[in-house]
Amino acid sequence: MKIIDGTENIKESFPYPVLTIGNFDGVHLGHQAIFRMLIERAREKQGTSIVFTFIPHPLRVLAPERAPKLLTTYKHKFKLIESAGIDIIICANFTKEFANIPAEDFVNDFLCQILGVKEIFIGSNYLFGKGRKGSPDLLKEIGGKCGFTVTVVDEIKINNSVPSSSGIRTLIAKGKVDEASILLGRPYSVEGIVIEGAKRGKNILNMPTANLLTANDLLPKDGVYAVTVEINGKKYGGATNIGFNPTFRDKKFSFETHILDFNGELLGKTLKISFIRRIRDEMKFINAEALAKQLRNDIEHIRNILKSHI
């Protein structure tokens, strides 16, 4: 897959471009359905499947106070799009100037003149351009003049729910990671670098933990989770705690994971944590021994949960 960073860097023409446009945060099952249609059509025409997206998220420019915490970092989003089989990502630099481009000019100038798009696949509720006046109907109108067709992809339903990035964010913020995974088509995951921690896990609880620093905007609700941990391509089970360690009266937020059946040095390494199920709230215990006993019970529970995930 090729990534074109900025519309000004579109320097070549592509055979029979078939395109979709959107933010695609999370690359959930609804997005994946559009990608499959896009790829299939491009293959039929020996053409090129193209995803047109934006950095940063438009609300971070237009209304920062309403900007969502994103499900995926841009790097992770691009990996997910690549794994879907897309040929090209065009990543527009979203600025206030870009936001002021009327939808008609965007379609005519970028999609028609520069890309020479032949077909567009778009979700039924997606709007774009200045004042969000770009709609499937407008695309069809312009397409009739510019020579491209528009396929409006109906919403899909999973267990009577329509996958949406905002809905999935709400589930994760509530700790309902198992429900979110159904709509994502995979467990919700974040990557982090292992940093120096308080070393209580190893020295006090006899359960060493990896303390993670992550670039992800959105972490699940504070609590204890059954997770899988990917280290250098190998998967392990794990117990993750998110919160403030109330037993030790911490005021500093922590995101730490005890990795099952692992013994090795992790400081400075990048781990991928995939959230399988929330086990319980963070709790304050009377002492470290009581906490260690609860953690042993948690780990036994987690081992049972993860039997089908490792």
Foldseek 3Di string as FASTA:
>chain_A
DEEAEALVRLDDEWFQEEEEEDACFLVWPQNLVLLVVQVVVCVVRVTAYEYEYEPPDQCCAVPVVPDDQTLDDPVVSVVVSVVSPHGYYYYHYDHVVQQAAAPVCCCVPRVQPRHVHAEYEYEQPQFGHHVSPRGQVVCCVVCVVRHHYYHHDYFDDDPNHTQDRVVLLVCQQAQVQQVSCSRRVHFRKFKFAFADDPQCCCPPLVQDKGWTDGPGRDGGHFAKFWKWKAFPNDIFTKIWGWAAQVQVPGPDTIIIIRTPPDDDDRHGGMMMIGTNHGDDHDDHDPHSVVVSVVVVVVVVVSCVSCPVPD
